[in-house]
Protein backbone atom coordinates (compact mmCIF):
# COMPACT_ATOMS: atom_id res chain seq x y z
CA MET A 1 95.08 122.23 33.33
CA GLY A 2 92.29 120.82 31.20
CA ASP A 3 88.58 121.04 31.54
CA CYS A 4 87.52 121.56 35.17
CA ARG A 5 84.27 119.78 35.86
CA ARG A 6 82.22 120.46 38.90
CA LEU A 7 81.99 117.78 41.54
CA PHE A 8 78.25 118.36 41.87
CA GLU A 9 75.94 119.35 39.05
CA TYR A 10 72.78 119.95 41.02
CA PHE A 11 71.47 120.05 44.58
CA ALA A 12 67.77 119.66 45.35
CA ILE A 13 65.34 119.40 48.24
CA VAL A 14 62.41 117.14 47.40
CA GLY A 15 59.19 116.74 49.34
CA LEU A 16 55.49 117.53 49.55
CA LYS A 17 54.35 120.70 47.83
CA GLU A 18 51.17 122.56 48.72
CA GLY A 19 48.32 121.34 46.54
CA ALA A 20 50.17 118.25 45.30
CA GLU A 21 48.29 115.62 43.31
CA ASP A 22 47.56 112.18 44.72
CA LEU A 23 50.02 109.48 43.66
CA ILE A 24 47.74 106.73 42.42
CA PRO A 25 49.45 103.52 41.26
CA THR A 26 48.40 103.12 37.64
CA ALA A 27 47.81 99.60 36.47
CA GLN A 28 49.31 100.22 33.00
CA GLU A 29 50.58 96.81 31.94
CA CYS A 30 51.62 95.97 35.51
CA GLY A 31 48.30 94.73 36.85
CA CYS A 32 47.66 96.80 39.95
CA ARG A 33 46.62 94.79 43.00
CA ASN A 34 43.24 95.92 44.28
CA SER A 35 43.47 94.39 47.74
CA ALA A 36 44.04 96.67 50.74
CA PRO A 37 47.43 96.39 52.48
CA LEU A 38 47.48 93.59 55.02
CA ALA A 39 48.16 94.28 58.64
CA PRO A 40 51.37 92.68 59.98
CA ILE A 41 51.33 89.35 61.82
CA THR A 42 51.22 89.75 65.58
CA ASP A 43 50.74 86.20 66.93
CA ILE A 44 51.35 82.58 65.94
CA CYS A 45 50.20 79.31 67.48
CA VAL A 46 49.80 75.64 66.58
CA ILE A 47 46.72 73.45 66.91
CA PHE A 48 45.96 69.70 66.70
CA PRO A 49 42.60 69.46 64.86
CA GLY A 50 42.51 65.67 65.27
CA LEU A 51 42.47 66.14 69.04
CA GLY A 52 39.51 68.49 68.90
CA GLU A 53 41.42 71.78 68.80
CA THR A 54 39.96 74.57 66.67
CA VAL A 55 41.27 77.82 65.23
CA PRO A 56 41.25 80.51 67.96
CA ASP A 57 39.12 83.61 67.46
CA GLY A 58 40.80 86.18 65.22
CA PHE A 59 43.36 83.68 63.88
CA GLU A 60 43.78 82.22 60.39
CA ARG A 61 44.91 78.67 59.73
CA ILE A 62 47.46 77.79 57.02
CA THR A 63 45.64 74.91 55.35
CA SER A 64 47.70 74.15 52.24
CA THR A 65 51.19 74.49 50.76
CA PRO A 66 51.95 76.44 47.55
CA MET A 67 51.35 73.29 45.45
CA GLY A 68 48.13 72.37 47.25
CA TYR A 69 49.35 69.74 49.70
CA PRO A 70 47.98 69.83 53.27
CA ALA A 71 50.11 72.24 55.34
CA ASP A 72 50.37 69.63 58.11
CA LEU A 73 53.59 70.20 60.04
CA ASN A 74 53.65 66.41 60.61
CA HIS A 75 52.91 65.64 56.95
CA GLY A 76 53.59 62.03 56.01
CA SER A 77 54.16 60.87 59.58
CA LEU A 78 52.64 57.70 60.98
CA ARG A 79 50.68 57.47 64.25
CA THR A 80 51.15 61.19 64.97
CA PRO A 81 48.31 63.73 65.00
CA SER A 82 48.17 66.44 62.36
CA VAL A 83 49.38 69.84 63.52
CA PHE A 84 48.71 73.13 61.75
CA LEU A 85 50.09 76.65 62.13
CA CYS A 86 47.74 79.57 62.83
CA PHE A 87 48.48 83.29 62.81
CA ARG A 88 46.76 86.56 63.63
CA ARG A 89 47.11 89.97 62.02
CA GLY A 90 46.46 93.37 63.48
CA TYR A 91 47.64 96.70 64.80
CA HIS A 92 46.52 95.97 68.35
CA LYS A 93 50.04 95.05 69.53
CA PRO A 94 53.62 95.29 68.23
CA PRO A 95 54.15 92.98 65.21
CA LEU A 96 56.51 90.04 64.84
CA VAL A 97 59.90 90.80 63.30
CA ASP A 98 61.26 87.23 63.09
CA ILE A 99 60.15 83.61 63.28
CA GLY A 100 62.42 80.71 64.16
CA VAL A 101 62.57 77.00 65.00
CA LEU A 102 64.04 75.72 68.29
CA ASP A 103 65.42 72.16 68.20
CA GLU A 104 65.86 70.92 71.75
CA GLY A 105 67.40 67.69 70.47
CA ARG A 106 70.44 69.68 69.35
CA GLY A 107 70.73 71.53 72.64
CA GLU A 108 69.53 74.83 71.20
CA LYS A 109 68.44 77.62 73.54
CA PRO A 110 66.10 80.48 72.67
CA MET A 111 67.52 83.96 72.13
CA LEU A 112 67.14 86.39 74.98
CA ASP A 113 64.64 88.58 73.12
CA SER A 114 62.62 85.71 71.60
CA ASN A 115 59.51 83.89 72.80
CA THR A 116 58.83 80.17 72.43
CA VAL A 117 55.43 78.68 71.55
CA LEU A 118 55.43 75.95 74.23
CA SER A 119 51.72 75.10 74.35
CA THR A 120 48.65 75.21 72.14
CA PRO A 121 45.71 77.50 72.99
CA PHE A 122 44.10 74.41 74.55
CA GLY A 123 46.99 73.60 76.89
CA ARG A 124 48.73 70.77 75.04
CA SER A 125 52.43 70.73 74.26
CA ALA A 126 53.18 72.63 71.05
CA ASN A 127 55.96 70.22 70.01
CA VAL A 128 55.74 69.98 66.20
CA ASN A 129 58.28 67.14 65.88
CA ASN A 130 57.09 63.66 64.98
CA ALA A 131 59.93 62.15 67.05
CA SER A 132 60.79 62.42 70.74
CA PRO A 133 63.08 65.51 70.83
CA GLY A 134 61.10 68.71 71.14
CA VAL A 135 60.89 71.11 68.18
CA PHE A 136 59.11 74.38 68.96
CA LEU A 137 58.38 77.56 67.07
CA THR A 138 59.86 80.84 68.30
CA TYR A 139 59.25 84.47 67.45
CA ARG A 140 60.65 87.92 68.14
CA ARG A 141 58.36 90.88 68.66
CA ALA A 142 59.03 94.53 67.87
CA GLN A 143 59.44 96.99 70.72
CA ALA A 144 56.38 99.02 71.60
CA ASN A 145 58.09 102.28 70.64
CA SER A 146 59.87 100.99 67.52
CA ALA A 147 59.75 102.90 64.25
CA PRO A 148 56.67 102.17 62.13
CA SER A 149 58.78 101.55 59.01
CA GLN A 150 60.78 98.65 60.44
CA LEU A 151 60.73 95.27 58.72
CA VAL A 152 57.93 93.06 60.04
CA VAL A 153 56.55 89.62 59.22
CA THR A 154 53.63 89.85 56.80
CA HIS A 155 53.25 86.35 55.34
CA ILE A 156 53.95 82.76 56.41
CA CYS A 157 53.79 79.56 54.38
CA VAL A 158 54.64 75.86 54.75
CA ILE A 159 56.53 73.94 52.04
CA LEU A 160 57.27 70.24 51.53
CA ALA A 161 60.79 70.00 50.10
CA ASN A 162 60.49 66.31 49.23
CA LYS A 163 57.51 67.18 47.00
CA GLY A 164 59.61 69.61 44.99
CA GLU A 165 58.34 72.74 46.69
CA VAL A 166 60.65 75.69 47.22
CA ALA A 167 60.26 78.96 49.10
CA PRO A 168 58.10 81.43 47.16
CA HIS A 169 59.97 84.38 45.74
CA THR A 170 60.70 87.11 48.35
CA TYR A 171 60.20 84.57 51.19
CA TYR A 172 62.94 83.49 53.59
CA LYS A 173 63.18 79.76 54.28
CA ILE A 174 64.05 78.66 57.83
CA PRO A 175 66.68 75.95 57.13
CA LYS A 176 65.39 73.48 59.74
CA ASN A 177 63.27 70.43 58.91
CA LEU A 178 60.36 70.20 61.34
CA ASN A 179 60.16 66.39 60.97
CA LYS A 180 63.02 64.60 62.69
CA GLY A 181 61.62 61.04 62.49
CA MET A 182 62.57 58.27 60.05
CA VAL A 183 59.31 58.75 58.12
CA GLY A 184 57.46 61.84 57.12
CA SER A 185 57.90 64.68 54.68
CA ASP A 186 60.58 67.34 54.79
CA VAL A 187 58.56 70.24 56.19
CA PHE A 188 59.95 73.77 56.28
CA LEU A 189 58.55 77.14 57.33
CA CYS A 190 58.97 80.22 55.14
CA TYR A 191 58.06 83.80 55.92
CA LYS A 192 58.11 87.15 54.19
CA LYS A 193 59.08 90.49 55.68
CA SER A 194 58.01 93.91 54.51
CA GLN A 195 58.20 97.42 55.82
CA GLY A 196 55.58 98.16 58.43
CA THR A 197 52.44 99.65 56.93
CA SER A 198 51.33 102.74 58.75
CA LYS A 199 48.32 104.71 57.59
CA ARG A 200 49.50 107.03 54.83
CA ILE A 201 48.56 109.24 51.90
CA ALA A 202 50.90 109.34 48.90
CA TYR A 203 51.29 112.45 46.73
CA LYS A 204 53.45 113.24 43.72
CA PRO A 205 56.76 114.62 45.05
CA SER A 206 58.15 117.97 43.90
CA VAL A 207 61.40 119.92 44.01
CA LEU A 208 60.98 122.40 46.87
CA ASP A 209 64.31 124.17 46.40
CA HIS A 210 67.43 123.73 44.31
CA PHE A 211 70.88 125.09 43.55
CA PRO A 212 72.02 126.55 41.18
CA LEU A 213 68.98 128.77 41.19
CA GLU A 214 68.87 129.01 37.40
CA ASN A 215 67.20 125.81 36.30
CA LYS A 216 69.35 124.78 33.33
CA PHE A 217 69.59 121.15 34.42
CA THR A 218 67.56 119.26 31.79
CA LEU A 219 66.85 116.24 33.98
CA ALA A 220 65.68 118.24 37.01
CA GLN A 221 62.02 117.32 36.47
CA ASN A 222 62.87 113.61 36.91
CA ILE A 223 64.65 113.97 40.24
CA PRO A 224 61.59 113.88 42.57
CA MET A 225 60.34 110.46 41.48
CA PHE A 226 63.83 108.96 41.93
CA CYS A 227 64.43 110.56 45.34
CA LEU A 228 60.98 109.52 46.65
CA PRO A 229 59.99 106.56 44.44
CA MET A 230 57.06 105.66 46.74
CA GLY A 231 55.80 109.26 46.70
CA ALA A 232 55.72 112.21 49.10
CA LEU A 233 53.87 110.84 52.11
CA ILE A 234 51.77 112.01 55.01
CA GLU A 235 51.95 109.22 57.56
CA CYS A 236 50.05 108.59 60.76
CA TRP A 237 52.13 107.05 63.57
CA PRO A 238 51.33 106.01 67.11
CA ALA A 239 52.49 108.81 69.40
CA ARG A 240 54.91 106.53 71.27
CA CYS A 241 56.80 105.48 68.11
CA GLN A 242 60.34 106.56 67.44
CA PRO A 243 61.01 108.21 64.06
CA PRO A 244 62.74 105.91 61.54
CA ASP A 245 66.40 106.35 60.77
CA LYS A 246 67.51 108.34 57.76
CA SER A 247 67.82 106.17 54.66
CA PHE A 248 70.38 106.56 51.89
CA SER A 249 69.64 105.68 48.27
CA THR A 250 71.33 106.09 44.92
CA PHE A 251 70.14 106.21 41.34
CA VAL A 252 71.45 106.74 37.83
CA LEU A 253 70.17 109.21 35.23
CA THR A 254 71.14 109.25 31.56
CA ASP A 255 71.33 112.54 29.69
CA GLN A 256 70.71 113.17 26.00
CA ASP A 257 74.20 112.15 24.89
CA GLY A 258 74.12 108.86 26.85
CA SER A 259 76.36 110.01 29.71
CA LYS A 260 75.57 108.80 33.20
CA LEU A 261 74.68 111.14 36.04
CA TYR A 262 74.74 109.70 39.55
CA GLY A 263 72.24 110.71 42.18
CA SER A 264 72.71 110.34 45.93
CA SER A 265 69.95 111.18 48.38
CA ILE A 266 68.95 110.72 51.98
CA THR A 267 65.32 110.53 53.04
CA PHE A 268 64.08 111.54 56.46
CA TYR A 269 60.81 112.42 58.19
CA GLU A 270 59.69 115.69 59.69
CA PRO A 271 56.56 116.46 61.74
CA TYR A 272 53.61 117.50 59.58
CA THR A 273 52.02 120.40 61.40
CA LYS A 274 49.46 121.64 58.90
CA PRO A 275 45.79 120.92 59.69
CA LEU A 276 44.37 117.90 57.87
CA SER A 277 41.27 118.22 55.73
CA THR A 278 38.23 116.01 56.22
CA GLU A 279 39.18 114.08 53.08
CA GLN A 280 42.68 113.45 54.40
CA MET A 281 41.30 112.30 57.75
CA GLU A 282 39.09 109.82 55.95
CA LYS A 283 42.00 108.51 53.87
CA LEU A 284 43.99 108.01 57.06
CA GLU A 285 40.96 106.24 58.56
CA LEU A 286 40.86 108.58 61.54
CA THR A 287 37.11 109.15 61.61
CA ASN A 288 34.63 107.06 63.52
CA GLU A 289 32.96 106.09 60.25
CA ALA A 290 36.17 104.90 58.61
CA VAL A 291 36.55 101.17 58.13
CA THR A 292 39.78 99.61 59.32
CA HIS A 293 41.03 96.96 56.90
CA GLY A 294 42.84 93.85 58.05
CA THR A 295 42.95 94.71 61.74
CA VAL A 296 41.94 92.95 64.91
CA GLU A 297 39.99 95.04 67.37
CA ASP A 298 41.62 95.56 70.72
CA ALA A 299 39.95 96.35 74.00
CA SER A 300 42.37 99.18 74.71
CA SER A 301 41.37 101.21 71.64
CA THR A 302 39.66 104.57 72.14
CA ASN A 303 36.81 106.27 70.36
CA ASP A 304 39.10 108.96 68.95
CA PRO A 305 42.27 107.37 67.57
CA ALA A 306 43.55 110.74 66.35
CA GLU A 307 44.36 111.65 69.96
CA GLN A 308 47.01 108.90 70.05
CA VAL A 309 48.79 109.57 66.77
CA THR A 310 51.22 112.03 65.24
CA PHE A 311 51.61 113.04 61.62
CA HIS A 312 54.86 113.09 59.65
CA SER A 313 55.95 113.77 56.09
CA ASN A 314 59.01 112.46 54.27
CA MET A 315 61.58 114.69 52.60
CA SER A 316 64.78 114.11 50.66
CA ILE A 317 67.95 116.07 49.96
CA CYS A 318 69.80 115.05 46.84
CA ILE A 319 72.96 115.79 44.91
CA ILE A 320 73.61 114.95 41.25
CA SER A 321 77.14 114.34 40.05
CA ARG A 322 78.99 112.93 37.08
CA TYR A 323 81.09 110.92 39.52
CA PRO A 324 79.91 107.86 41.50
CA PHE A 325 81.55 108.86 44.80
CA PHE A 326 78.60 107.50 46.76
CA THR A 327 80.40 107.00 50.07
CA ALA A 328 81.69 110.58 50.15
CA PHE A 329 78.33 111.96 49.04
CA LYS A 330 76.56 110.02 51.78
CA ARG A 331 78.82 111.53 54.44
CA PHE A 332 78.27 115.02 53.04
CA LEU A 333 74.47 114.65 52.95
CA PHE A 334 74.34 113.25 56.46
CA TYR A 335 76.51 116.15 57.62
CA LEU A 336 74.20 118.68 55.94
CA HIS A 337 71.18 117.13 57.62
CA ARG A 338 72.90 117.09 61.01
CA ILE A 339 73.90 120.74 60.93
CA SER A 340 70.41 121.70 59.73
CA LEU A 341 69.09 120.37 63.04
CA SER A 342 71.70 122.26 65.04
CA THR A 343 70.56 125.39 66.88
CA SER A 344 73.92 127.14 66.40
CA GLN A 345 75.37 127.26 62.89
CA PRO A 346 78.60 129.28 62.64
CA VAL A 347 78.58 128.78 58.86
CA PRO A 348 75.33 128.97 56.86
CA ILE A 349 74.32 125.74 55.11
CA GLU A 350 74.14 127.59 51.81
CA ARG A 351 77.89 128.27 52.06
CA TYR A 352 78.70 124.55 52.04
CA ILE A 353 76.50 123.94 49.02
CA SER A 354 77.76 126.95 47.05
CA HIS A 355 81.38 125.95 47.64
CA LEU A 356 80.78 122.50 46.17
CA LEU A 357 78.66 123.64 43.25
CA GLY A 358 80.27 127.04 42.69
CA ASN A 359 83.68 128.07 41.46
CA GLU A 360 85.73 126.90 44.43
CA THR A 361 88.28 124.27 43.37
CA ILE A 362 88.32 121.06 45.41
CA SER A 363 90.92 118.41 44.54
CA PHE A 364 90.06 114.71 44.61
CA GLU A 365 92.82 112.13 44.32
CA SER A 366 92.16 108.89 42.48
CA HIS A 367 94.28 105.96 43.63
CA ASP A 368 92.99 103.72 40.83
CA ASP A 369 95.64 103.68 38.11
CA SER A 370 93.70 101.21 35.94
CA GLN A 371 91.94 102.25 32.77
CA LEU A 372 88.59 100.87 33.88
CA PRO A 373 85.74 103.37 33.66
CA LEU A 374 84.41 104.85 36.89
CA SER A 375 81.26 103.22 38.21
CA GLY A 376 79.18 102.98 41.35
CA ALA A 377 79.91 99.28 41.73
CA ALA A 378 80.11 97.64 45.15
CA PHE A 379 81.45 94.18 44.39
CA PHE A 380 81.59 92.77 47.92
CA ASP A 381 78.08 93.94 48.73
CA THR A 382 76.86 92.38 45.48
CA LEU A 383 78.57 89.07 46.22
CA LYS A 384 77.27 89.08 49.79
CA CYS A 385 73.67 89.71 48.70
CA LEU A 386 73.59 87.23 45.81
CA GLY A 387 76.11 84.52 46.59
CA PRO A 388 78.56 83.11 44.02
CA GLU A 389 76.14 80.99 41.99
CA ASN A 390 73.45 83.64 41.70
CA LEU A 391 76.03 86.28 40.75
CA MET A 392 77.35 84.09 37.95
CA TYR A 393 73.81 83.50 36.70
CA LEU A 394 73.11 87.23 36.79
CA MET A 395 76.24 87.80 34.69
CA LEU A 396 75.09 85.13 32.22
CA LEU A 397 71.74 86.85 31.74
CA ALA A 398 73.41 90.23 31.31
CA LEU A 399 75.84 88.91 28.68
CA LEU A 400 72.91 87.34 26.81
CA GLU A 401 70.88 90.58 27.10
CA GLN A 402 67.92 89.24 29.06
CA LYS A 403 65.29 91.01 31.17
CA ILE A 404 66.75 91.46 34.66
CA LEU A 405 65.03 92.84 37.74
CA VAL A 406 66.82 93.27 41.08
CA HIS A 407 64.82 94.25 44.13
CA SER A 408 65.41 94.93 47.80
CA LEU A 409 63.97 96.74 50.79
CA ARG A 410 67.36 98.47 51.07
CA PRO A 411 67.28 101.05 48.25
CA TRP A 412 71.00 101.85 48.20
CA LEU A 413 71.77 98.25 47.18
CA LEU A 414 69.91 98.48 43.86
CA THR A 415 72.33 100.85 42.14
CA ALA A 416 75.35 99.13 43.73
CA VAL A 417 74.37 95.74 42.28
CA ALA A 418 73.32 97.06 38.87
CA GLU A 419 76.55 99.03 38.54
CA SER A 420 78.56 95.97 39.59
CA VAL A 421 76.98 93.90 36.82
CA CYS A 422 77.78 96.55 34.21
CA ALA A 423 81.36 96.85 35.51
CA LEU A 424 81.90 93.07 35.39
CA MET A 425 80.79 93.07 31.75
CA PHE A 426 83.79 95.22 30.75
CA PRO A 427 84.88 95.58 27.94
CA PHE A 428 81.27 95.01 26.88
CA HIS A 429 78.79 97.80 27.47
CA TRP A 430 75.10 97.49 28.38
CA GLN A 431 73.19 99.49 25.76
CA CYS A 432 69.59 98.55 26.59
CA PRO A 433 67.28 100.34 29.07
CA TYR A 434 69.01 100.75 32.42
CA ILE A 435 67.08 101.99 35.47
CA PRO A 436 68.80 100.74 38.67
CA GLN A 437 66.33 102.64 40.89
CA CYS A 438 63.03 102.46 39.03
CA PRO A 439 60.22 104.65 40.42
CA LEU A 440 56.75 103.14 40.59
CA SER A 441 55.56 105.60 37.95
CA LEU A 442 57.96 103.94 35.48
CA ALA A 443 57.15 100.36 36.46
CA GLY A 444 55.63 99.77 33.03
CA VAL A 445 59.17 99.28 31.71
CA LEU A 446 59.09 95.78 33.24
CA HIS A 447 56.63 94.84 30.47
CA ALA A 448 58.78 96.26 27.69
CA PRO A 449 59.48 93.86 24.78
CA LEU A 450 63.24 94.38 24.99
CA PRO A 451 66.07 93.58 27.42
CA PHE A 452 66.57 95.78 30.49
CA ILE A 453 68.28 96.00 33.85
CA ALA A 454 65.98 97.55 36.42
CA GLY A 455 65.78 97.76 40.20
CA VAL A 456 62.70 98.30 42.33
CA ASP A 457 61.75 98.51 45.96
CA SER A 458 60.47 95.09 47.06
CA ARG A 459 57.19 96.75 47.99
CA TYR A 460 56.52 96.76 44.25
CA PHE A 461 55.27 93.16 44.64
CA ASP A 462 52.68 94.33 47.19
CA LEU A 463 51.27 96.93 44.78
CA TYR A 464 51.48 95.19 41.40
CA GLU A 465 51.09 91.72 39.98
CA ASP A 466 54.26 89.73 39.40
CA PRO A 467 56.34 90.75 36.33
CA PRO A 468 56.03 88.74 33.09
CA SER A 469 57.36 85.19 33.09
CA ASP A 470 60.42 86.11 30.99
CA VAL A 471 61.66 88.58 33.63
CA THR A 472 64.16 87.05 36.06
CA CYS A 473 63.94 88.61 39.52
CA PHE A 474 66.88 88.64 41.95
CA ASP A 475 65.91 89.22 45.59
CA LEU A 476 68.86 90.88 47.30
CA ASP A 477 67.37 90.38 50.78
CA THR A 478 66.87 86.60 50.62
CA SER A 479 69.53 85.71 48.01
CA THR A 480 66.97 83.97 45.81
CA VAL A 481 66.13 84.02 42.11
CA SER A 482 62.63 83.72 40.68
CA PHE A 483 61.77 80.79 38.42
CA SER A 484 61.35 82.64 35.15
CA SER A 485 60.78 80.96 31.79
CA VAL A 486 64.35 81.68 30.66
CA ARG A 487 65.80 79.64 33.53
CA GLN A 488 64.57 76.50 31.78
CA THR A 489 66.80 77.14 28.78
CA LEU A 490 69.66 79.38 29.99
CA LYS A 491 72.04 77.42 32.23
CA LEU A 492 75.44 78.20 33.69
CA SER A 493 76.82 75.33 31.62
CA MET A 494 76.48 77.63 28.59
CA LEU A 495 79.47 79.65 29.80
CA PRO A 496 82.91 78.74 28.43
CA LYS A 497 84.26 76.03 30.71
CA VAL A 498 87.67 77.57 31.40
CA SER A 499 86.34 81.08 31.99
CA HIS A 500 83.46 79.71 34.09
CA ALA A 501 85.81 77.69 36.29
CA CYS A 502 88.20 80.62 36.73
CA PHE A 503 85.44 83.07 37.62
CA ASN A 504 83.77 80.54 39.91
CA ASN A 505 87.00 79.83 41.80
CA HIS A 506 87.75 83.51 42.28
CA ILE A 507 84.36 84.58 43.59
CA ASN A 508 84.02 81.51 45.82
CA TYR A 509 87.42 82.32 47.30
CA GLU A 510 86.36 85.91 47.94
CA ALA A 511 83.02 84.80 49.38
CA HIS A 512 84.60 82.37 51.84
CA THR A 513 87.55 84.60 52.71
CA TRP A 514 86.09 88.08 53.09
CA ILE A 515 82.35 87.52 53.35
CA CYS A 516 80.18 85.30 55.55
CA PRO A 517 80.88 81.72 54.44
CA CYS A 518 77.23 80.79 54.85
CA THR A 519 76.08 83.01 51.96
CA ALA A 520 72.93 81.49 50.57
CA SER A 521 72.16 80.65 46.99
CA SER A 522 68.91 79.82 45.30
């Protein structure tokens, strides 16, 4: 019958071990950012300085664009007063989760759960259009009991498209020009979203339990940093917050003979019930002496914030396999987690795991009769995240063995996109460093003097300086590509014309037929 290979090679539970070391981001070559995490944006408003309006207390004014032009929302207009955008950060109220532009001239109506900035803090109309139809800013606010790890607005900027400005990398551009008149610059708003920043302490994660019990798996010591790339955390949440949903992620390990091993894991939070030390309380800023960074004081705060918070720790369960059956593995892991929460378990959880990793034979049918190698590729997801033009450029860089970095706030996408690129290269094979889910402790690879394909959580850019100029970054959340030095010399026109046209026609057909036809490109 041939060599019977196990479906799973290893099962592990990863989390916070007693006496774990602090996970301190090392600068290495990456250039660690020293600034404290910024609080999310909670309020926006507009002001007319020429009419005597000033920045409200606690707000910041956006004074300039990325290239140094005045961030006047009426830039270049004649006989119209300058108008500037102001914002406020803090933890005193639920943060903003989206920003929009409402064009009354096109008959647009605000969404049911959005708010419209109709007036300035001084009572004037907040119309930012230099012509007669009203153009107003809108925003959506998170629910009071929403999960602390949801995506929230953390940065806003103004760009002038007619001056050659584009949205900064990792920013989303609202595709609506604020100036509707015959004169004036093309003014656009851009904003960046990140996961909500709750107070937390990061420790080095560890394997808490594993199967098989004999530890013959040579790569076992690397599993924790891939399952919990941001570390094993103790987080402090407001008591009214809902716990975040379970998150699924994938990664790829390479053993000593160059064979790929595929990891699938789900991460979830559990209450942390152990007493906190004085040092931990100080790190979580839960003492009266602790200084709160980047917040706005609120009249409803109490003298003892610890009475209003709960503590949670993240944990991950992971399986390692030689087969990239990510969808099936995800269902199995979610099922394991669900039955672990059940009060009545007719079959012990260990029985499920031992059957899959033991000597029980389980048959899997493959309906793919091609000779293509198995991979964890997800072609439609890749095309949807990148768009046709960006996907072709990513393929060009891979064929020319360049430095490629993909990043997203959705960790499961990183391996899917990286595997898709490698699959599309067939019959060529990527032989340079390949880390689709790169832990922060290995972030120094981005400064390596050789080609690589790597993937990181987008929060990398909040912790470290931007990668070197010869690294091309693909943002899977905003469908944008960074302006690296290689983009000045490597163009899509370098591809063979016939092959380029054929590939372009095929992926554009797929994009417009099966995926949202409004897929963005950089």
